[in-house]
């Protein structure tokens, strides 16, 4: 564990080098009151934030880059990670015409050791997308694949909780990138492993793109058969950043059966189609609740809606996941049910869905 005295000295040294970094108005960054606390997510690596409003983000991007270069001049610092965070409110702006979506084109050599990159997405929050992502990753591993999970849900990173990951990532052998963490036989990394758990992720526009680009390009994922990307809910800046910064092989849509969730799932499918990312299939989560006392099935959110929607729009239906108390408890405790109880009904459902996804990827010649 870092010595608090040494950490305080390093923070003081950081403020000293940041005194030379100037804001757009000419003031020193060190004295601007915009600096967040410095942390050390890994040896030789420092991280801190610069507080801005969403309207200032684009103008502050050169400041962010200059701050990173200045921090890397400190003795013992090999890499600095600086993020722009919006923590102040601003008045709403008139609605602008929506931008034209461009097909996803990832930079060359990004994730070059990964055979297939699959986005796991939903049109809205609360449908169990992150739990499904982790369960799907472990089910694919159960089928013999080497799997990683990138948590791109920067608004509410839950992968550390779902996998029981509390450690900070270390630097890779090249001294520039981070190594993903490992849990239950899969590789994983989340912004939640890099920032304080109580930090509010109020990021927009360029701030989101910067953070996601760093998670994708500055992590040594090594050789994987499949990298699952846990997408933020919705169809905004974060989703576009992932689609345009990573070589997506396809997308999986997670929805609950009721109409409210399916409406938003359609938007997610439409977004990926406009970005020319193949939709590999739809999963119906919480298809029914299985009572732990009597074993009865209760269709709390309806049943079969995602299957019918997949048929209607012409995409594969990968399967249904029931909701059980064991699934919920395992998620809260960082003990995923596919790893701890693969023979359970939920475990078998997820392994069957993973089998369908594996077939879809094999049909495309990706694994």
Protein backbone atom coordinates (compact mmCIF):
# COMPACT_ATOMS: atom_id res chain seq x y z
CA UNK A 1 0.00 0.00 0.00
CA UNK A 2 1.34 3.48 -0.83
CA UNK A 3 2.79 5.56 2.00
CA UNK A 4 0.37 8.51 2.56
CA UNK A 5 3.36 10.82 3.19
CA UNK A 6 4.96 9.86 -0.14
CA UNK A 7 1.61 10.19 -1.92
CA UNK A 8 1.14 13.70 -0.51
CA UNK A 9 4.62 14.66 -1.71
CA UNK A 10 3.86 13.34 -5.18
CA UNK A 11 0.60 15.28 -5.24
CA UNK A 12 2.49 18.44 -4.30
CA UNK A 13 5.04 17.75 -7.04
CA UNK A 14 2.22 17.22 -9.53
CA UNK A 15 0.68 20.58 -8.68
CA UNK A 16 4.08 22.16 -9.21
CA UNK A 17 4.51 20.81 -12.74
CA UNK A 18 0.89 21.64 -13.59
CA UNK A 19 1.53 25.28 -12.75
CA UNK A 20 3.00 25.65 -16.24
CA UNK A 21 -0.18 24.33 -17.92
CA UNK A 22 -2.44 27.19 -18.96
CA UNK A 23 -6.20 27.22 -19.31
CA UNK A 24 -7.86 28.81 -22.35
CA UNK A 25 -8.23 32.04 -20.31
CA UNK A 26 -4.49 32.08 -19.46
CA UNK A 27 -4.77 31.02 -15.81
CA UNK A 28 -2.59 28.28 -14.34
CA UNK A 29 -4.27 24.89 -14.11
CA UNK A 30 -2.71 24.28 -10.68
CA UNK A 31 -4.40 27.36 -9.19
CA UNK A 32 -7.69 27.13 -11.06
CA UNK A 33 -9.60 25.02 -8.54
CA UNK A 34 -10.42 22.54 -11.33
CA UNK A 35 -8.07 19.71 -10.35
CA UNK A 36 -9.44 16.50 -8.91
CA UNK A 37 -7.44 14.36 -6.50
CA UNK A 38 -4.48 12.45 -7.90
CA UNK A 39 -4.57 8.67 -7.55
CA UNK A 40 -2.09 5.95 -8.47
CA UNK A 41 -4.03 3.12 -10.15
CA UNK A 42 -0.79 1.23 -10.81
CA UNK A 43 2.96 1.63 -10.16
CA UNK A 44 4.40 4.29 -12.45
CA UNK A 45 0.95 5.54 -13.39
CA UNK A 46 -1.00 8.54 -12.07
CA UNK A 47 -4.58 9.58 -12.69
CA UNK A 48 -6.48 12.79 -12.00
CA UNK A 49 -9.37 14.77 -13.42
CA UNK A 50 -9.96 18.33 -14.60
CA UNK A 51 -13.42 19.69 -13.78
CA UNK A 52 -15.15 21.39 -16.69
CA UNK A 53 -18.65 21.98 -17.95
CA UNK A 54 -19.87 20.07 -20.99
CA UNK A 55 -19.70 23.29 -23.01
CA UNK A 56 -16.00 23.71 -22.13
CA UNK A 57 -14.95 20.14 -22.90
CA UNK A 58 -13.76 20.66 -26.47
CA UNK A 59 -11.73 23.77 -25.60
CA UNK A 60 -10.12 21.94 -22.67
CA UNK A 61 -8.92 18.93 -24.68
CA UNK A 62 -5.51 20.61 -25.39
CA UNK A 63 -5.28 21.38 -21.66
CA UNK A 64 -5.89 17.72 -20.86
CA UNK A 65 -3.15 16.62 -23.26
CA UNK A 66 -0.72 19.22 -21.91
CA UNK A 67 -1.48 18.10 -18.35
CA UNK A 68 -0.71 14.48 -19.25
CA UNK A 69 2.65 15.47 -20.77
CA UNK A 70 3.50 17.62 -17.76
CA UNK A 71 2.62 14.85 -15.29
CA UNK A 72 4.77 12.36 -17.21
CA UNK A 73 7.81 14.58 -16.54
CA UNK A 74 7.62 13.67 -12.84
CA UNK A 75 10.27 11.17 -11.66
CA UNK A 76 8.87 7.65 -11.60
CA UNK A 77 5.77 8.47 -13.67
CA UNK A 78 5.65 6.46 -16.87
CA UNK A 79 2.07 7.20 -17.87
CA UNK A 80 -0.56 9.74 -16.84
CA UNK A 81 -4.29 9.34 -17.34
CA UNK A 82 -6.14 12.67 -17.26
CA UNK A 83 -9.91 12.86 -17.69
CA UNK A 84 -12.28 15.77 -18.15
CA UNK A 85 -15.24 15.52 -15.78
CA UNK A 86 -18.33 17.71 -15.70
CA UNK A 87 -19.41 18.44 -12.15
CA UNK A 88 -21.22 21.75 -12.64
CA UNK A 89 -24.65 22.30 -14.12
CA UNK A 90 -25.36 24.50 -17.08
CA UNK A 91 -28.56 25.72 -18.70
CA UNK A 92 -30.14 23.51 -21.38
CA UNK A 93 -29.32 24.33 -24.96
CA UNK A 94 -31.66 24.39 -27.95
CA UNK A 95 -31.97 21.04 -29.62
CA UNK A 96 -29.63 20.68 -32.59
CA UNK A 97 -30.16 18.59 -35.69
CA UNK A 98 -28.99 15.01 -35.02
CA UNK A 99 -25.58 14.20 -36.50
CA UNK A 100 -25.32 11.77 -39.39
CA UNK A 101 -24.06 8.44 -38.12
CA UNK A 102 -21.00 7.14 -39.90
CA UNK A 103 -20.09 3.46 -40.27
CA UNK A 104 -17.85 2.22 -37.47
CA UNK A 105 -14.18 2.30 -38.51
CA UNK A 106 -11.74 1.41 -35.74
CA UNK A 107 -8.11 2.57 -35.87
CA UNK A 108 -5.62 0.05 -37.20
CA UNK A 109 -3.94 -2.31 -34.69
CA UNK A 110 -6.46 -1.66 -31.92
CA UNK A 111 -7.27 -4.96 -30.17
CA UNK A 112 -5.27 -6.79 -32.83
CA UNK A 113 -4.90 -9.90 -30.65
CA UNK A 114 -8.68 -10.27 -30.23
CA UNK A 115 -10.50 -12.46 -32.76
CA UNK A 116 -14.03 -11.14 -32.15
CA UNK A 117 -15.22 -7.95 -30.40
CA UNK A 118 -18.90 -8.07 -29.45
CA UNK A 119 -20.92 -5.20 -27.96
CA UNK A 120 -23.58 -6.21 -25.43
CA UNK A 121 -26.13 -3.40 -25.49
CA UNK A 122 -29.60 -2.37 -24.46
CA UNK A 123 -31.75 0.58 -25.36
CA UNK A 124 -32.43 1.39 -21.71
CA UNK A 125 -31.07 0.76 -18.23
CA UNK A 126 -32.46 -1.72 -15.74
CA UNK A 127 -32.72 -4.74 -18.03
CA UNK A 128 -29.76 -6.63 -16.53
CA UNK A 129 -27.32 -5.94 -19.36
CA UNK A 130 -24.16 -5.95 -17.21
CA UNK A 131 -25.14 -9.12 -15.37
CA UNK A 132 -25.89 -10.75 -18.72
CA UNK A 133 -22.53 -9.63 -20.13
CA UNK A 134 -20.60 -11.23 -17.27
CA UNK A 135 -22.75 -14.37 -17.39
CA UNK A 136 -22.28 -14.64 -21.15
CA UNK A 137 -18.51 -14.22 -20.80
CA UNK A 138 -18.30 -17.00 -18.24
CA UNK A 139 -20.56 -19.23 -20.34
CA UNK A 140 -18.30 -18.73 -23.36
CA UNK A 141 -15.32 -19.63 -21.19
CA UNK A 142 -17.24 -22.75 -20.06
CA UNK A 143 -17.39 -23.67 -23.76
CA UNK A 144 -13.61 -23.43 -24.05
CA UNK A 145 -13.06 -19.90 -25.35
CA UNK A 146 -10.61 -17.33 -24.00
CA UNK A 147 -12.74 -14.33 -23.04
CA UNK A 148 -12.39 -10.75 -21.80
CA UNK A 149 -14.89 -8.10 -20.66
CA UNK A 150 -14.42 -4.38 -21.18
CA UNK A 151 -16.81 -2.34 -19.03
CA UNK A 152 -17.59 0.72 -21.16
CA UNK A 153 -20.57 1.69 -19.01
CA UNK A 154 -18.78 4.73 -17.58
CA UNK A 155 -21.96 6.14 -16.05
CA UNK A 156 -22.49 3.14 -13.77
CA UNK A 157 -19.57 0.70 -13.95
CA UNK A 158 -20.80 -2.49 -12.28
CA UNK A 159 -18.40 -5.12 -13.62
CA UNK A 160 -16.06 -4.81 -10.58
CA UNK A 161 -18.97 -5.62 -8.26
CA UNK A 162 -20.28 -8.45 -10.43
CA UNK A 163 -16.86 -10.12 -10.55
CA UNK A 164 -15.71 -9.19 -7.05
CA UNK A 165 -12.78 -7.17 -8.44
CA UNK A 166 -11.34 -4.62 -6.02
CA UNK A 167 -7.70 -4.53 -7.17
CA UNK A 168 -6.10 -1.84 -9.27
CA UNK A 169 -4.63 -2.82 -12.66
CA UNK A 170 -0.88 -3.03 -13.13
CA UNK A 171 1.25 -1.85 -16.04
CA UNK A 172 1.87 -4.28 -18.89
CA UNK A 173 5.37 -5.33 -19.92
CA UNK A 174 5.60 -2.51 -22.47
CA UNK A 175 5.35 0.00 -19.61
CA UNK A 176 2.68 1.99 -21.45
CA UNK A 177 -0.56 0.05 -21.28
CA UNK A 178 -2.50 -1.47 -18.40
CA UNK A 179 -3.02 -5.18 -17.91
CA UNK A 180 -6.63 -6.25 -17.43
CA UNK A 181 -7.54 -7.92 -14.17
CA UNK A 182 -8.57 -11.57 -13.93
CA UNK A 183 -11.51 -13.14 -12.14
CA UNK A 184 -13.22 -16.50 -12.54
CA UNK A 185 -10.96 -17.30 -15.49
CA UNK A 186 -11.80 -14.26 -17.64
CA UNK A 187 -9.98 -10.97 -18.24
CA UNK A 188 -11.81 -7.78 -17.26
CA UNK A 189 -11.29 -4.06 -16.85
CA UNK A 190 -13.62 -1.23 -15.93
CA UNK A 191 -13.34 2.49 -15.32
CA UNK A 192 -14.60 1.47 -11.89
CA UNK A 193 -11.15 -0.10 -11.28
CA UNK A 194 -9.45 3.22 -12.04
CA UNK A 195 -11.44 5.84 -10.14
CA UNK A 196 -12.74 6.31 -6.61
CA UNK A 197 -16.03 4.39 -6.14
CA UNK A 198 -17.76 7.60 -5.00
CA UNK A 199 -16.73 9.65 -8.05
CA UNK A 200 -19.72 10.91 -10.06
CA UNK A 201 -19.35 10.01 -13.74
CA UNK A 202 -20.97 13.12 -15.17
CA UNK A 203 -19.25 12.95 -18.54
CA UNK A 204 -20.40 14.12 -21.95
CA UNK A 205 -19.19 14.45 -25.53
CA UNK A 206 -15.37 14.61 -25.83
CA UNK A 207 -14.94 13.53 -22.21
CA UNK A 208 -16.73 10.25 -22.92
CA UNK A 209 -14.83 9.61 -26.13
CA UNK A 210 -11.50 10.28 -24.42
CA UNK A 211 -12.19 7.89 -21.54
CA UNK A 212 -13.50 5.09 -23.77
CA UNK A 213 -10.64 5.46 -26.26
CA UNK A 214 -8.16 5.03 -23.43
CA UNK A 215 -9.95 1.93 -22.10
CA UNK A 216 -9.82 0.35 -25.56
CA UNK A 217 -6.41 1.47 -26.86
CA UNK A 218 -4.36 1.65 -23.65
CA UNK A 219 -5.08 -1.81 -22.26
CA UNK A 220 -3.06 -4.89 -23.24
CA UNK A 221 -5.83 -7.43 -23.81
CA UNK A 222 -3.41 -9.94 -25.33
CA UNK A 223 -4.81 -12.92 -27.23
CA UNK A 224 -8.54 -13.48 -26.81
CA UNK A 225 -11.17 -15.39 -28.75
CA UNK A 226 -13.91 -12.95 -27.71
CA UNK A 227 -13.93 -9.56 -26.02
CA UNK A 228 -17.37 -8.56 -24.79
CA UNK A 229 -17.95 -4.83 -24.35
CA UNK A 230 -20.55 -3.95 -21.74
CA UNK A 231 -22.12 -0.90 -23.35
CA UNK A 232 -23.79 1.99 -21.53
CA UNK A 233 -27.59 2.05 -21.93
CA UNK A 234 -29.01 4.23 -24.67
CA UNK A 235 -27.82 5.38 -28.09
CA UNK A 236 -25.67 8.45 -27.38
CA UNK A 237 -22.05 9.61 -27.36
CA UNK A 238 -20.71 6.64 -25.39
CA UNK A 239 -22.18 4.08 -27.79
CA UNK A 240 -20.84 5.93 -30.82
CA UNK A 241 -17.40 6.20 -29.22
CA UNK A 242 -17.24 2.43 -28.65
CA UNK A 243 -18.51 1.63 -32.13
CA UNK A 244 -16.07 3.98 -33.82
CA UNK A 245 -13.01 3.24 -31.66
CA UNK A 246 -13.11 -0.57 -31.58
CA UNK A 247 -13.27 -3.15 -34.39
CA UNK A 248 -16.75 -4.45 -33.56
CA UNK A 249 -17.58 -7.86 -35.00
CA UNK A 250 -21.21 -7.58 -33.97
CA UNK A 251 -23.68 -6.66 -31.26
CA UNK A 252 -26.00 -8.54 -28.92
CA UNK A 253 -29.13 -6.78 -27.66
CA UNK A 254 -30.48 -7.50 -24.16
CA UNK A 255 -34.12 -6.71 -23.36
CA UNK A 256 -36.81 -7.69 -20.91
CA UNK A 257 -40.09 -8.93 -22.42
CA UNK A 258 -42.30 -5.89 -21.81
CA UNK A 259 -43.12 -3.34 -24.50
CA UNK A 260 -41.38 -0.45 -22.73
CA UNK A 261 -37.99 -2.18 -22.93
CA UNK A 262 -38.58 -3.46 -26.46
CA UNK A 263 -39.24 0.06 -27.77
CA UNK A 264 -35.76 1.10 -26.64
CA UNK A 265 -34.19 -2.16 -27.83
CA UNK A 266 -35.42 -1.31 -31.34
CA UNK A 267 -33.51 1.97 -31.16
CA UNK A 268 -30.34 0.10 -30.23
CA UNK A 269 -30.74 -2.29 -33.14
CA UNK A 270 -31.37 0.62 -35.51
CA UNK A 271 -28.21 2.36 -34.29
CA UNK A 272 -25.98 -0.65 -34.91
CA UNK A 273 -27.50 -1.18 -38.34
CA UNK A 274 -26.78 2.44 -39.29
CA UNK A 275 -23.21 1.96 -38.09
CA UNK A 276 -23.00 -1.21 -40.24
CA UNK A 277 -22.37 -3.41 -37.19
CA UNK A 278 -24.11 -6.80 -37.52
CA UNK A 279 -26.72 -7.59 -34.87
CA UNK A 280 -25.85 -11.14 -33.81
CA UNK A 281 -29.00 -11.67 -31.82
CA UNK A 282 -31.43 -10.69 -29.09
CA UNK A 283 -31.56 -12.09 -25.53
CA UNK A 284 -34.68 -11.95 -23.39
CA UNK A 285 -33.60 -11.37 -19.79
CA UNK A 286 -35.90 -11.79 -16.77
CA UNK A 287 -38.16 -13.87 -19.00
CA UNK A 288 -39.85 -15.26 -15.90
CA UNK A 289 -39.27 -15.31 -12.16
CA UNK A 290 -38.75 -18.74 -10.60
CA UNK A 291 -39.99 -18.85 -7.00
CA UNK A 292 -37.34 -20.31 -4.67
CA UNK A 293 -40.01 -21.76 -2.35
CA UNK A 294 -42.48 -23.48 -4.66
CA UNK A 295 -40.60 -23.54 -7.97
CA UNK A 296 -43.50 -21.77 -9.68
CA UNK A 297 -42.91 -19.52 -12.69
CA UNK A 298 -44.19 -15.95 -12.67
CA UNK A 299 -44.09 -13.82 -15.81
CA UNK A 300 -43.60 -10.49 -14.02
CA UNK A 301 -42.58 -8.60 -17.16
CA UNK A 302 -44.57 -10.70 -19.60
CA UNK A 303 -42.98 -13.42 -21.68
CA UNK A 304 -41.82 -13.93 -25.26
CA UNK A 305 -41.77 -10.27 -26.24
CA UNK A 306 -38.07 -10.26 -27.20
CA UNK A 307 -38.45 -13.46 -29.24
CA UNK A 308 -41.36 -11.96 -31.18
CA UNK A 309 -39.51 -8.69 -31.72
CA UNK A 310 -36.44 -10.53 -33.03
CA UNK A 311 -38.67 -12.45 -35.46
CA UNK A 312 -40.40 -9.25 -36.56
CA UNK A 313 -37.23 -7.36 -37.41
CA UNK A 314 -35.35 -10.33 -38.80
CA UNK A 315 -32.52 -10.90 -36.31
CA UNK A 316 -31.63 -14.15 -34.49
CA UNK A 317 -33.16 -14.88 -31.09
CA UNK A 318 -30.43 -16.29 -28.84
CA UNK A 319 -32.55 -17.40 -25.88
CA UNK A 320 -34.23 -16.60 -22.56
CA UNK A 321 -32.73 -16.04 -19.11
CA UNK A 322 -35.00 -16.60 -16.09
CA UNK A 323 -34.72 -14.48 -12.96
CA UNK A 324 -33.91 -16.31 -9.72
CA UNK A 325 -32.86 -15.36 -6.22
CA UNK A 326 -29.56 -17.21 -6.70
CA UNK A 327 -28.77 -15.13 -9.79
CA UNK A 328 -29.43 -11.91 -7.89
CA UNK A 329 -27.44 -12.95 -4.81
CA UNK A 330 -24.48 -14.10 -6.91
CA UNK A 331 -24.40 -10.77 -8.72
CA UNK A 332 -24.40 -8.79 -5.46
CA UNK A 333 -21.67 -10.94 -3.91
CA UNK A 334 -19.37 -11.04 -6.95
CA UNK A 335 -19.98 -14.78 -7.35
CA UNK A 336 -21.52 -15.22 -10.84
CA UNK A 337 -23.94 -18.11 -11.04
CA UNK A 338 -22.44 -19.50 -14.27
CA UNK A 339 -19.11 -19.92 -12.44
CA UNK A 340 -20.53 -21.23 -9.16
CA UNK A 341 -23.59 -23.18 -10.36
CA UNK A 342 -23.18 -23.99 -14.07
CA UNK A 343 -25.61 -26.94 -13.76
CA UNK A 344 -28.44 -24.75 -12.46
CA UNK A 345 -31.35 -23.81 -14.71
CA UNK A 346 -30.01 -20.28 -15.14
CA UNK A 347 -26.50 -21.58 -15.77
CA UNK A 348 -27.70 -24.00 -18.43
CA UNK A 349 -29.81 -21.28 -20.10
CA UNK A 350 -26.78 -19.00 -20.35
CA UNK A 351 -24.49 -21.74 -21.63
CA UNK A 352 -27.06 -22.53 -24.34
CA UNK A 353 -27.20 -18.83 -25.31
CA UNK A 354 -23.40 -18.71 -25.39
CA UNK A 355 -23.46 -21.71 -27.69
CA UNK A 356 -25.73 -19.85 -30.12
CA UNK A 357 -23.41 -16.83 -30.03
CA UNK A 358 -20.38 -19.03 -30.63
CA UNK A 359 -22.08 -20.54 -33.68
CA UNK A 360 -22.89 -17.07 -35.03
CA UNK A 361 -19.25 -16.01 -34.66
CA UNK A 362 -18.02 -19.24 -36.26
CA UNK A 363 -20.38 -18.75 -39.19
CA UNK A 364 -18.69 -15.38 -39.77
CA UNK A 365 -15.25 -17.03 -39.62
CA UNK A 366 -14.23 -15.03 -36.53
CA UNK A 367 -13.41 -17.84 -34.08
